[in-house]
Amino acid sequence: MPAPTGITGTWTWIEKRATTWENLPILTQDPYDRPLAEPEIRSGYLPLDGATARTATES
């Protein structure tokens, strides 16, 4: 999954699987790698962690 660029911090993907929430890393996509499965629609959240750490130290 592509992640927004130019922002300091770590993007992750959080989705509910059965009864638990899974926190998954966003991996860099290889432009030459072919998809192994059909695209699917998924529901979840795209949080950004650590974005304020840099801002707080620069002040």
Protein backbone atom coordinates (compact mmCIF):
# COMPACT_ATOMS: atom_id res chain seq x y z
CA MET A 1 0.00 0.00 0.00
CA PRO A 2 1.47 3.39 -0.87
CA ALA A 3 1.97 5.73 2.08
CA PRO A 4 1.98 9.54 2.05
CA THR A 5 5.46 11.01 1.50
CA GLY A 6 7.20 14.04 2.94
CA ILE A 7 5.91 13.51 6.47
CA THR A 8 8.13 12.63 9.43
CA GLY A 9 6.90 9.61 11.36
CA THR A 10 5.93 5.99 10.86
CA TRP A 11 2.76 4.98 9.04
CA THR A 12 1.04 1.70 9.97
CA TRP A 13 -2.22 0.01 9.02
CA ILE A 14 -4.66 -1.14 11.71
CA GLU A 15 -7.57 -3.44 10.90
CA LYS A 16 -9.92 -5.66 12.86
CA ARG A 17 -9.56 -9.39 12.20
CA ALA A 18 -12.23 -11.46 13.91
CA THR A 19 -12.20 -10.09 17.48
CA THR A 20 -8.71 -8.53 17.64
CA TRP A 21 -7.12 -5.45 16.10
CA GLU A 22 -3.97 -6.11 14.06
CA ASN A 23 -1.28 -3.44 13.71
CA LEU A 24 0.48 -4.08 10.37
CA PRO A 25 3.54 -2.35 8.90
CA ILE A 26 3.36 -0.63 5.54
CA LEU A 27 5.98 -2.18 3.31
CA THR A 28 7.70 -0.53 0.37
CA GLN A 29 6.18 -1.65 -2.89
CA ASP A 30 8.48 -3.13 -5.51
CA PRO A 31 7.39 -1.65 -8.87
CA TYR A 32 8.55 -4.82 -10.68
CA ASP A 33 6.78 -7.27 -8.37
CA ARG A 34 3.51 -8.66 -9.70
CA PRO A 35 0.57 -8.93 -7.28
CA LEU A 36 0.00 -12.45 -5.96
CA ALA A 37 -3.69 -11.93 -5.28
CA GLU A 38 -6.63 -9.99 -6.65
CA PRO A 39 -7.14 -6.48 -5.19
CA GLU A 40 -9.57 -6.34 -2.28
CA ILE A 41 -11.37 -3.66 -0.32
CA ARG A 42 -10.33 -3.53 3.33
CA SER A 43 -11.52 -1.38 6.19
CA GLY A 44 -9.13 0.03 8.79
CA TYR A 45 -7.12 3.01 9.98
CA LEU A 46 -3.89 4.59 8.75
CA PRO A 47 -2.25 6.13 11.87
CA LEU A 48 0.94 8.18 11.92
CA ASP A 49 3.23 7.59 14.92
CA GLY A 50 6.17 9.74 15.95
CA ALA A 51 5.23 12.85 13.95
CA THR A 52 5.25 15.12 16.99
CA ALA A 53 8.59 13.88 18.35
CA ARG A 54 10.59 15.82 15.76
CA THR A 55 8.42 18.93 16.14
CA ALA A 56 8.81 18.89 19.91
CA THR A 57 12.62 18.67 19.73
CA GLU A 58 12.89 21.46 17.15
CA SER A 59 11.04 24.00 19.31
